[in-house]
């Protein structure tokens, strides 16, 4: 079975040849950043056109509700700015101060986006209550409905585009920004439904629907906050860890595996893994196995750009870990006896 997995891995490498040099890893990170920037620019143009269309209808109809939605869409479109800055920062190479690079800037942008969604929920709730207490007539209902529909379609398209790209490149912040665009679509839909209710003679339709949409925004806020929180807490899909263990055990020379840790840095994964090799191997042989293990992990785990592989050896009389035991936390699981740290 191990030979079969190795043969399959080599065939995959032959069909999709690539390099694991540092420069190539930087190029891959640059490409994902370009994808993110392209998504931001295109979605910003779409939201800009949507805002202009709504502004024209506001000038014709004088709808206060649509005016608020137009200003809201214009302001929220600018959330692309901090995320774009984060993508640009992520392209900077690691240095002696930021040794893992600047990918965490995306997480900070994600926090800002979540805060903006929360502010949107507060604004929608406040507007709904205000209109419920102080009803206002809406004129030119067909024009207002058309503009609101344009706002919903534009925001929903942007939301799908950002979420799809964010998940493909592994950017939690871009996914959160897509969810934010979806809340803006809900707000536009509220204007549309409110106009429909007003046309039927229900004056309270606009504020009541606005309050219901606030609840929908809160549900989107929960999803976006969870996405960003998990990224900040270095959460990864447990299936990735399971895949890593299975992949490492399939590498020739690996007897067993120890701990495997992963974390997101921007939209790229990094890993740390312990493997167990035969104690009779030389340092060069053990290092060769650790390099093969990293190579296999990069192929098997999506978005993984690098792995630090620590080689432990099978038990011998003396335990080199003994001098480190008093430094380890009490809840730390004991690890196999090491022979050499490499990579």
Protein backbone atom coordinates (compact mmCIF):
# COMPACT_ATOMS: atom_id res chain seq x y z
CA UNK A 1 0.00 0.00 0.00
CA UNK A 2 2.84 2.40 0.83
CA UNK A 3 4.54 1.70 -2.50
CA UNK A 4 1.26 2.32 -4.31
CA UNK A 5 0.86 5.70 -2.61
CA UNK A 6 4.44 6.60 -3.43
CA UNK A 7 3.95 5.62 -7.08
CA UNK A 8 0.76 7.70 -7.29
CA UNK A 9 2.55 10.69 -5.73
CA UNK A 10 5.43 10.44 -8.24
CA UNK A 11 3.01 10.21 -11.15
CA UNK A 12 1.18 13.30 -9.91
CA UNK A 13 4.48 15.16 -9.62
CA UNK A 14 5.45 14.08 -13.13
CA UNK A 15 2.16 15.30 -14.61
CA UNK A 16 2.25 18.61 -12.70
CA UNK A 17 5.95 19.44 -12.33
CA UNK A 18 6.90 22.33 -10.11
CA UNK A 19 9.62 23.57 -7.81
CA UNK A 20 9.66 23.99 -4.05
CA UNK A 21 12.22 26.77 -4.04
CA UNK A 22 11.48 29.80 -1.85
CA UNK A 23 11.11 32.04 -4.88
CA UNK A 24 8.42 29.82 -6.35
CA UNK A 25 6.51 29.82 -3.06
CA UNK A 26 6.60 33.62 -3.07
CA UNK A 27 5.32 33.59 -6.66
CA UNK A 28 2.40 31.38 -5.59
CA UNK A 29 1.56 33.77 -2.75
CA UNK A 30 1.79 36.71 -5.16
CA UNK A 31 -0.60 34.98 -7.57
CA UNK A 32 -3.23 34.44 -4.88
CA UNK A 33 -2.84 38.08 -3.83
CA UNK A 34 -3.37 39.12 -7.45
CA UNK A 35 -6.54 37.03 -7.55
CA UNK A 36 -7.74 38.75 -4.40
CA UNK A 37 -6.90 42.22 -5.74
CA UNK A 38 -8.63 41.45 -9.05
CA UNK A 39 -11.74 40.36 -7.17
CA UNK A 40 -11.71 43.53 -5.07
CA UNK A 41 -11.33 45.82 -8.08
CA UNK A 42 -14.06 44.12 -10.13
CA UNK A 43 -16.49 44.02 -7.22
CA UNK A 44 -15.71 47.66 -6.38
CA UNK A 45 -16.61 48.66 -9.97
CA UNK A 46 -19.88 46.68 -9.79
CA UNK A 47 -20.83 48.28 -6.47
CA UNK A 48 -19.86 51.69 -7.83
CA UNK A 49 -22.16 51.30 -10.84
CA UNK A 50 -24.94 50.08 -8.55
CA UNK A 51 -24.51 53.12 -6.31
CA UNK A 52 -24.61 55.52 -9.28
CA UNK A 53 -27.85 53.93 -10.57
CA UNK A 54 -29.43 54.26 -7.14
CA UNK A 55 -28.25 57.86 -6.76
CA UNK A 56 -29.94 58.81 -10.05
CA UNK A 57 -33.24 57.30 -8.85
CA UNK A 58 -32.88 59.10 -5.51
CA UNK A 59 -32.57 62.40 -7.36
CA UNK A 60 -35.73 61.62 -9.35
CA UNK A 61 -37.87 60.16 -6.58
CA UNK A 62 -36.65 61.86 -3.42
CA UNK A 63 -36.94 58.56 -1.54
CA UNK A 64 -35.34 58.87 1.89
CA UNK A 65 -35.20 55.10 2.28
CA UNK A 66 -33.39 54.64 -1.02
CA UNK A 67 -31.08 57.55 -0.20
CA UNK A 68 -30.03 55.81 3.02
CA UNK A 69 -29.47 52.55 1.15
CA UNK A 70 -27.41 54.36 -1.52
CA UNK A 71 -25.16 56.03 1.05
CA UNK A 72 -24.86 52.70 2.86
CA UNK A 73 -23.78 50.86 -0.31
CA UNK A 74 -21.28 53.59 -1.24
CA UNK A 75 -19.68 53.56 2.20
CA UNK A 76 -19.58 49.80 2.51
CA UNK A 77 -18.02 49.39 -0.93
CA UNK A 78 -14.99 51.13 0.56
CA UNK A 79 -14.34 48.13 2.81
CA UNK A 80 -12.37 46.90 -0.20
CA UNK A 81 -9.73 49.49 0.71
CA UNK A 82 -8.42 47.93 3.98
CA UNK A 83 -8.59 44.46 2.45
CA UNK A 84 -6.70 45.66 -0.62
CA UNK A 85 -4.04 47.17 1.65
CA UNK A 86 -3.84 43.83 3.47
CA UNK A 87 -3.28 41.98 0.20
CA UNK A 88 -0.53 44.43 -0.75
CA UNK A 89 1.13 44.04 2.66
CA UNK A 90 0.91 40.27 2.29
CA UNK A 91 3.18 40.49 -0.75
CA UNK A 92 6.04 41.88 1.34
CA UNK A 93 8.79 39.42 2.07
CA UNK A 94 9.46 38.27 5.62
CA UNK A 95 12.15 40.18 7.50
CA UNK A 96 13.99 39.94 10.82
CA UNK A 97 11.11 41.55 12.73
CA UNK A 98 8.17 39.88 10.96
CA UNK A 99 9.75 36.51 10.37
CA UNK A 100 6.51 34.93 9.09
CA UNK A 101 5.75 37.82 6.74
CA UNK A 102 2.76 40.15 6.74
CA UNK A 103 -0.07 37.72 5.96
CA UNK A 104 -1.77 38.44 9.29
CA UNK A 105 -2.79 41.83 7.91
CA UNK A 106 -5.70 40.00 6.25
CA UNK A 107 -6.96 38.89 9.66
CA UNK A 108 -6.86 42.49 10.91
CA UNK A 109 -8.82 43.56 7.83
CA UNK A 110 -11.30 40.79 8.63
CA UNK A 111 -11.84 42.23 12.11
CA UNK A 112 -12.55 45.64 10.55
CA UNK A 113 -15.03 44.08 8.12
CA UNK A 114 -16.85 42.29 10.96
CA UNK A 115 -17.05 45.59 12.83
CA UNK A 116 -18.53 47.20 9.72
CA UNK A 117 -21.17 44.47 9.44
CA UNK A 118 -22.06 45.06 13.10
CA UNK A 119 -22.36 48.79 12.43
CA UNK A 120 -24.62 48.00 9.46
CA UNK A 121 -26.88 45.96 11.73
CA UNK A 122 -27.07 48.83 14.24
CA UNK A 123 -27.81 51.35 11.48
CA UNK A 124 -30.52 49.14 9.95
CA UNK A 125 -32.15 48.60 13.35
CA UNK A 126 -32.04 52.29 14.23
CA UNK A 127 -33.47 53.29 10.83
CA UNK A 128 -36.27 50.69 11.13
CA UNK A 129 -37.32 51.88 14.58
CA UNK A 130 -37.13 55.54 13.52
CA UNK A 131 -39.36 54.93 10.50
CA UNK A 132 -41.77 52.91 12.62
CA UNK A 133 -42.12 55.81 15.05
CA UNK A 134 -42.09 58.49 12.33
CA UNK A 135 -43.71 57.09 9.16
CA UNK A 136 -42.67 58.67 5.87
CA UNK A 137 -44.37 58.49 2.50
CA UNK A 138 -42.50 57.02 -0.46
CA UNK A 139 -43.09 58.41 -3.95
CA UNK A 140 -42.21 57.03 -7.42
CA UNK A 141 -42.52 53.50 -6.09
CA UNK A 142 -41.71 51.77 -9.39
CA UNK A 143 -38.45 53.71 -9.76
CA UNK A 144 -37.55 53.07 -6.13
CA UNK A 145 -38.33 49.36 -6.53
CA UNK A 146 -36.14 49.14 -9.63
CA UNK A 147 -33.22 50.85 -7.88
CA UNK A 148 -33.61 48.63 -4.82
CA UNK A 149 -33.65 45.55 -7.05
CA UNK A 150 -30.48 46.78 -8.76
CA UNK A 151 -28.87 47.19 -5.35
CA UNK A 152 -29.81 43.67 -4.32
CA UNK A 153 -28.61 42.07 -7.57
CA UNK A 154 -25.33 44.01 -7.57
CA UNK A 155 -24.52 43.20 -3.94
CA UNK A 156 -25.47 39.54 -4.27
CA UNK A 157 -23.25 39.16 -7.36
CA UNK A 158 -20.35 40.79 -5.51
CA UNK A 159 -21.01 38.60 -2.45
CA UNK A 160 -20.87 35.38 -4.46
CA UNK A 161 -17.76 36.50 -6.33
CA UNK A 162 -15.87 37.50 -3.17
CA UNK A 163 -16.88 34.41 -1.21
CA UNK A 164 -15.95 32.08 -4.08
CA UNK A 165 -12.53 33.70 -4.57
CA UNK A 166 -11.92 33.95 -0.81
CA UNK A 167 -12.53 30.25 -0.30
CA UNK A 168 -10.42 29.33 -3.33
CA UNK A 169 -7.38 31.32 -2.18
CA UNK A 170 -7.98 30.68 1.55
CA UNK A 171 -8.72 34.29 2.57
CA UNK A 172 -11.10 34.46 5.54
CA UNK A 173 -11.16 38.26 5.29
CA UNK A 174 -12.34 38.17 1.68
CA UNK A 175 -15.04 35.66 2.62
CA UNK A 176 -16.15 37.97 5.43
CA UNK A 177 -16.22 40.89 3.00
CA UNK A 178 -18.40 38.81 0.68
CA UNK A 179 -20.78 38.14 3.55
CA UNK A 180 -20.77 41.86 4.23
CA UNK A 181 -21.83 42.55 0.62
CA UNK A 182 -24.65 40.07 1.16
CA UNK A 183 -25.91 42.12 4.13
CA UNK A 184 -25.98 45.17 1.87
CA UNK A 185 -28.09 43.18 -0.58
CA UNK A 186 -30.51 42.38 2.22
CA UNK A 187 -30.74 46.07 3.03
CA UNK A 188 -31.58 46.87 -0.61
CA UNK A 189 -34.14 44.08 -0.60
CA UNK A 190 -35.75 45.66 2.43
CA UNK A 191 -36.29 48.84 0.44
CA UNK A 192 -37.87 46.80 -2.37
CA UNK A 193 -40.19 44.87 -0.06
CA UNK A 194 -41.03 48.01 1.85
CA UNK A 195 -42.00 49.76 -1.38
CA UNK A 196 -44.20 46.80 -2.29
CA UNK A 197 -45.94 46.93 1.08
CA UNK A 198 -46.44 50.67 0.75
CA UNK A 199 -48.00 50.18 -2.68
CA UNK A 200 -50.51 47.84 -1.04
CA UNK A 201 -51.41 50.52 1.50
CA UNK A 202 -49.41 49.29 4.49
CA UNK A 203 -47.48 52.36 5.69
CA UNK A 204 -45.52 50.38 8.30
CA UNK A 205 -44.22 47.92 5.69
CA UNK A 206 -40.90 49.71 5.17
CA UNK A 207 -39.81 49.85 8.85
CA UNK A 208 -41.14 46.38 9.72
CA UNK A 209 -39.29 44.77 6.82
CA UNK A 210 -36.20 46.78 7.76
CA UNK A 211 -36.26 45.29 11.26
CA UNK A 212 -36.64 41.77 9.84
CA UNK A 213 -33.66 42.39 7.58
CA UNK A 214 -31.70 43.48 10.65
CA UNK A 215 -32.18 39.97 12.04
CA UNK A 216 -30.85 38.53 8.78
CA UNK A 217 -27.82 40.82 8.99
CA UNK A 218 -27.14 39.54 12.51
CA UNK A 219 -27.13 35.96 11.21
CA UNK A 220 -24.60 36.93 8.53
CA UNK A 221 -22.59 38.76 11.21
CA UNK A 222 -22.43 35.55 13.24
CA UNK A 223 -21.03 33.59 10.28
CA UNK A 224 -18.48 36.27 9.40
CA UNK A 225 -17.37 36.69 13.02
CA UNK A 226 -16.92 32.94 13.41
CA UNK A 227 -14.86 32.79 10.20
CA UNK A 228 -12.51 35.58 11.33
CA UNK A 229 -12.36 34.39 14.95
CA UNK A 230 -11.34 30.88 13.93
CA UNK A 231 -8.62 32.29 11.69
CA UNK A 232 -7.30 34.50 14.49
CA UNK A 233 -7.24 31.47 16.81
CA UNK A 234 -5.25 29.41 14.26
CA UNK A 235 -8.15 27.05 13.62
CA UNK A 236 -7.85 24.61 10.71
CA UNK A 237 -10.09 21.91 9.30
CA UNK A 238 -9.38 18.71 11.33
CA UNK A 239 -9.51 16.78 8.05
CA UNK A 240 -6.33 18.56 6.98
CA UNK A 241 -4.53 17.24 10.06
CA UNK A 242 -5.84 13.73 9.38
CA UNK A 243 -4.61 14.02 5.79
CA UNK A 244 -1.21 15.18 7.00
CA UNK A 245 -0.81 12.19 9.33
CA UNK A 246 -1.82 9.74 6.61
CA UNK A 247 0.53 11.40 4.12
CA UNK A 248 3.51 11.34 6.48
CA UNK A 249 2.98 7.66 7.30
CA UNK A 250 3.04 6.94 3.58
CA UNK A 251 6.55 8.37 3.12
CA UNK A 252 9.30 5.74 2.80
CA UNK A 253 11.38 5.63 5.97
CA UNK A 254 8.73 7.12 8.29
CA UNK A 255 7.94 4.65 11.06
CA UNK A 256 5.30 6.75 12.84
CA UNK A 257 4.12 10.31 13.35
CA UNK A 258 3.96 12.57 16.39
CA UNK A 259 2.29 15.96 16.68
CA UNK A 260 1.13 17.85 13.61
CA UNK A 261 0.32 21.56 13.89
CA UNK A 262 -1.00 23.90 11.21
CA UNK A 263 -1.84 27.57 11.06
CA UNK A 264 -3.02 30.07 8.50
CA UNK A 265 -0.81 33.05 7.71
CA UNK A 266 -2.89 35.21 5.42
CA UNK A 267 -4.25 32.81 2.82
CA UNK A 268 -1.40 30.29 3.07
CA UNK A 269 -0.92 27.36 5.44
CA UNK A 270 2.25 26.48 7.35
CA UNK A 271 2.77 23.24 9.26
CA UNK A 272 4.99 21.71 11.92
CA UNK A 273 5.20 17.93 12.10
CA UNK A 274 7.05 15.26 14.08
CA UNK A 275 8.02 12.00 12.39
CA UNK A 276 9.73 8.89 13.78
CA UNK A 277 12.54 7.20 11.83
CA UNK A 278 14.89 4.29 12.45
CA UNK A 279 17.51 5.11 15.10
CA UNK A 280 20.23 3.50 12.98
CA UNK A 281 19.94 6.05 10.18
CA UNK A 282 22.63 8.67 9.62
CA UNK A 283 21.89 12.36 9.96
CA UNK A 284 21.96 12.72 6.17
CA UNK A 285 19.49 9.86 5.71
CA UNK A 286 17.14 11.23 8.37
CA UNK A 287 17.28 14.66 6.77
CA UNK A 288 16.49 13.20 3.37
CA UNK A 289 13.37 11.58 4.82
CA UNK A 290 12.26 14.86 6.43
CA UNK A 291 12.62 16.65 3.10
CA UNK A 292 10.57 13.93 1.40
CA UNK A 293 7.96 14.29 4.14
CA UNK A 294 7.68 18.05 3.59
CA UNK A 295 7.45 17.50 -0.15
CA UNK A 296 4.61 14.99 0.31
CA UNK A 297 2.73 17.35 2.66
CA UNK A 298 2.90 20.26 0.20
CA UNK A 299 1.33 18.02 -2.44
CA UNK A 300 -1.34 16.54 -0.17
CA UNK A 301 -2.55 19.55 1.85
CA UNK A 302 -4.23 22.37 -0.12
CA UNK A 303 -2.77 25.87 0.39
CA UNK A 304 0.23 24.51 2.33
CA UNK A 305 3.38 26.43 1.34
CA UNK A 306 5.94 25.11 3.85
CA UNK A 307 6.35 22.57 6.64
CA UNK A 308 8.93 22.25 9.40
CA UNK A 309 9.55 18.54 9.93
CA UNK A 310 11.22 17.32 13.13
CA UNK A 311 12.72 13.83 13.04
CA UNK A 312 12.58 11.64 16.16
CA UNK A 313 14.11 8.16 16.27
CA UNK A 314 12.85 4.86 17.57
CA UNK A 315 13.59 4.23 21.29
CA UNK A 316 17.18 3.71 22.48
CA UNK A 317 18.67 3.45 25.97
CA UNK A 318 19.20 7.19 26.54
CA UNK A 319 16.40 9.69 26.05
CA UNK A 320 17.72 13.02 24.66
CA UNK A 321 14.37 14.64 25.54
CA UNK A 322 15.02 14.15 29.25
CA UNK A 323 16.75 17.53 29.64
CA UNK A 324 13.69 19.30 28.19
CA UNK A 325 10.99 17.68 30.31
CA UNK A 326 11.05 20.27 33.07
CA UNK A 327 10.39 22.99 30.46
CA UNK A 328 7.34 21.29 28.96
CA UNK A 329 3.77 22.16 30.12
CA UNK A 330 2.18 19.54 32.35
CA UNK A 331 -0.54 18.85 29.80
CA UNK A 332 1.90 18.26 26.96
CA UNK A 333 1.79 14.78 25.52
CA UNK A 334 5.09 12.96 25.74
CA UNK A 335 6.84 12.64 22.38
CA UNK A 336 9.13 9.98 20.95
CA UNK A 337 12.85 10.14 21.53
CA UNK A 338 14.45 12.50 19.00
CA UNK A 339 17.55 11.87 16.96
CA UNK A 340 17.89 15.06 14.96
CA UNK A 341 15.96 18.19 14.08
CA UNK A 342 15.96 19.03 10.43
CA UNK A 343 14.16 21.39 8.10
